[in-house]
Amino acid sequence: MQRRERSTNAKPRSVPWPVDGETDVVAVDTTWGEMQPLEAAPGVRTVGELELVDMVGQGAFVIDCRTAGSFGGRTIAGSVNIPHDEMLDRKDELDRGRVSILFCNGPQCPQSPRAIRQLLDDGYPVQALAYYRGGMHDWVTQAMPTEPRGD
């Protein structure tokens, strides 16, 4: 079984966008990225939207691993941006005593899985990390709260 070939004349868009004239409808571009495994790394918990919300209520930290130019102007409300390519240099901004939930653009995006693997390879404790595989793609399609991404 394989994902079908994709083609488009437009620049790929990794984050769903509002449909003109429709309050609660978004459009999704299926042409970007490559599907990522459900497990970012052995022992790292993969979470969905409800688990993320529950974990934040228990003190977890939400980290947006996307780099500049891949935001679509929005992020998960309350998240902090530490781009995946800066993660090791900025790992001291994470709290080893709290779970950090890393996310990126969604199931087709390798940015947060890459950051998780880098942290683990550097000795970061596996129990202090979680992976929100759905990322902005699924967050937006589930009508979860977002806020403007401040660069």
Protein backbone atom coordinates (compact mmCIF):
# COMPACT_ATOMS: atom_id res chain seq x y z
CA MET A 1 0.00 0.00 0.00
CA GLN A 2 1.41 3.38 -0.96
CA ARG A 3 0.38 6.96 -0.73
CA ARG A 4 -0.77 8.15 -4.15
CA GLU A 5 1.35 10.50 -6.21
CA ARG A 6 0.71 14.14 -5.45
CA SER A 7 0.91 17.11 -7.73
CA THR A 8 -0.05 20.74 -7.55
CA ASN A 9 0.64 23.96 -9.39
CA ALA A 10 0.64 25.95 -6.15
CA LYS A 11 3.32 26.20 -3.48
CA PRO A 12 2.60 23.50 -0.86
CA ARG A 13 0.89 24.71 2.34
CA SER A 14 1.66 22.70 5.47
CA VAL A 15 -1.00 24.26 7.71
CA PRO A 16 -4.74 24.14 6.88
CA TRP A 17 -6.25 27.53 6.04
CA PRO A 18 -9.75 29.03 6.34
CA VAL A 19 -12.12 28.67 3.40
CA ASP A 20 -13.47 32.06 2.32
CA GLY A 21 -17.04 32.61 3.48
CA GLU A 22 -17.05 29.53 5.76
CA THR A 23 -16.59 30.13 9.48
CA ASP A 24 -15.76 26.57 10.51
CA VAL A 25 -14.28 25.07 7.34
CA VAL A 26 -10.59 24.75 6.49
CA ALA A 27 -8.82 23.50 3.37
CA VAL A 28 -5.98 20.97 3.53
CA ASP A 29 -3.06 20.58 1.12
CA THR A 30 -2.10 16.90 0.74
CA THR A 31 0.94 17.53 -1.46
CA TRP A 32 3.57 18.43 1.12
CA GLY A 33 5.87 16.34 3.30
CA GLU A 34 6.45 12.65 3.94
CA MET A 35 4.45 10.62 6.46
CA GLN A 36 6.25 10.22 9.80
CA PRO A 37 6.03 7.15 12.07
CA LEU A 38 3.59 7.23 14.95
CA GLU A 39 6.52 6.78 17.36
CA ALA A 40 9.15 9.52 17.10
CA ALA A 41 11.65 7.50 19.17
CA PRO A 42 11.52 4.43 21.43
CA GLY A 43 9.99 5.24 24.81
CA VAL A 44 8.69 8.70 23.85
CA ARG A 45 4.94 8.92 24.35
CA THR A 46 2.90 10.00 21.32
CA VAL A 47 -0.16 12.04 22.30
CA GLY A 48 -3.32 13.31 20.68
CA GLU A 49 -5.18 16.56 21.23
CA LEU A 50 -7.04 15.52 24.39
CA GLU A 51 -3.90 14.08 25.99
CA LEU A 52 -1.99 17.26 25.16
CA VAL A 53 -4.65 19.41 26.82
CA ASP A 54 -4.69 17.14 29.88
CA MET A 55 -0.89 17.12 30.14
CA VAL A 56 -0.72 20.92 29.86
CA GLY A 57 -3.24 21.08 32.72
CA GLN A 58 -0.78 18.96 34.72
CA GLY A 59 2.14 21.30 33.96
CA ALA A 60 3.56 20.07 30.65
CA PHE A 61 5.39 22.52 28.40
CA VAL A 62 4.38 22.72 24.68
CA ILE A 63 7.22 23.31 22.21
CA ASP A 64 6.67 24.39 18.61
CA CYS A 65 9.67 22.94 16.70
CA ARG A 66 8.89 24.61 13.39
CA THR A 67 11.43 26.86 11.74
CA ALA A 68 10.72 30.36 10.45
CA GLY A 69 8.70 30.27 7.27
CA SER A 70 6.76 27.11 8.12
CA PHE A 71 4.12 28.57 10.43
CA GLY A 72 1.17 29.75 8.40
CA GLY A 73 0.97 32.59 10.94
CA ARG A 74 -0.46 30.53 13.84
CA THR A 75 0.71 28.24 16.65
CA ILE A 76 -0.88 26.23 19.47
CA ALA A 77 -2.01 28.64 22.16
CA GLY A 78 0.56 28.87 24.94
CA SER A 79 3.35 27.10 23.06
CA VAL A 80 6.95 28.27 22.94
CA ASN A 81 8.97 28.19 19.72
CA ILE A 82 12.31 26.37 19.78
CA PRO A 83 13.07 25.44 16.16
CA HIS A 84 14.27 21.88 15.66
CA ASP A 85 17.56 23.11 14.21
CA GLU A 86 18.23 25.12 17.41
CA MET A 87 17.02 22.49 19.91
CA LEU A 88 20.40 21.29 21.16
CA ASP A 89 21.73 24.83 21.53
CA ARG A 90 18.60 25.84 23.46
CA LYS A 91 17.91 22.64 25.43
CA ASP A 92 18.54 24.52 28.68
CA GLU A 93 15.23 26.32 28.06
CA LEU A 94 13.48 22.98 28.68
CA ASP A 95 12.74 21.83 32.23
CA ARG A 96 13.80 18.22 32.82
CA GLY A 97 11.31 18.11 35.70
CA ARG A 98 8.35 18.79 33.38
CA VAL A 99 7.24 16.97 30.27
CA SER A 100 7.95 18.87 27.07
CA ILE A 101 5.50 18.05 24.27
CA LEU A 102 7.13 18.72 20.92
CA PHE A 103 5.12 19.36 17.75
CA CYS A 104 5.61 20.69 14.24
CA ASN A 105 3.38 20.94 11.15
CA GLY A 106 1.81 17.50 11.42
CA PRO A 107 2.07 13.85 10.47
CA GLN A 108 4.00 14.69 7.28
CA CYS A 109 6.60 16.86 9.03
CA PRO A 110 9.97 15.56 10.32
CA GLN A 111 10.90 18.61 12.43
CA SER A 112 9.71 17.55 15.91
CA PRO A 113 10.72 13.86 15.51
CA ARG A 114 14.19 15.07 14.52
CA ALA A 115 14.38 17.34 17.58
CA ILE A 116 13.25 14.51 19.88
CA ARG A 117 15.92 12.15 18.52
CA GLN A 118 18.59 14.85 18.87
CA LEU A 119 17.66 15.46 22.49
CA LEU A 120 17.68 11.74 23.30
CA ASP A 121 21.04 11.26 21.55
CA ASP A 122 22.34 14.11 23.72
CA GLY A 123 21.22 12.33 26.92
CA TYR A 124 17.90 14.10 27.55
CA PRO A 125 15.59 11.91 29.68
CA VAL A 126 12.99 10.03 27.62
CA GLN A 127 10.32 10.44 30.34
CA ALA A 128 10.59 14.25 29.99
CA LEU A 129 9.52 14.20 26.31
CA ALA A 130 6.27 13.61 24.44
CA TYR A 131 5.40 13.86 20.74
CA TYR A 132 2.24 15.47 19.39
CA ARG A 133 2.31 13.89 15.93
CA GLY A 134 -0.83 15.68 14.72
CA GLY A 135 0.91 19.04 14.93
CA MET A 136 -0.66 22.17 13.53
CA HIS A 137 -2.30 20.19 10.74
CA ASP A 138 -4.53 18.17 13.07
CA TRP A 139 -4.80 20.90 15.73
CA VAL A 140 -6.36 23.31 13.23
CA THR A 141 -8.67 20.68 11.70
CA GLN A 142 -9.95 19.87 15.21
CA ALA A 143 -10.77 23.58 15.82
CA MET A 144 -8.43 23.74 18.80
CA PRO A 145 -7.23 27.16 20.07
CA THR A 146 -4.42 28.88 18.20
CA GLU A 147 -2.71 32.21 18.57
CA PRO A 148 -0.67 34.36 16.19
CA ARG A 149 2.87 33.14 15.80
CA GLY A 150 5.19 35.95 16.83
CA ASP A 151 8.51 35.91 15.03
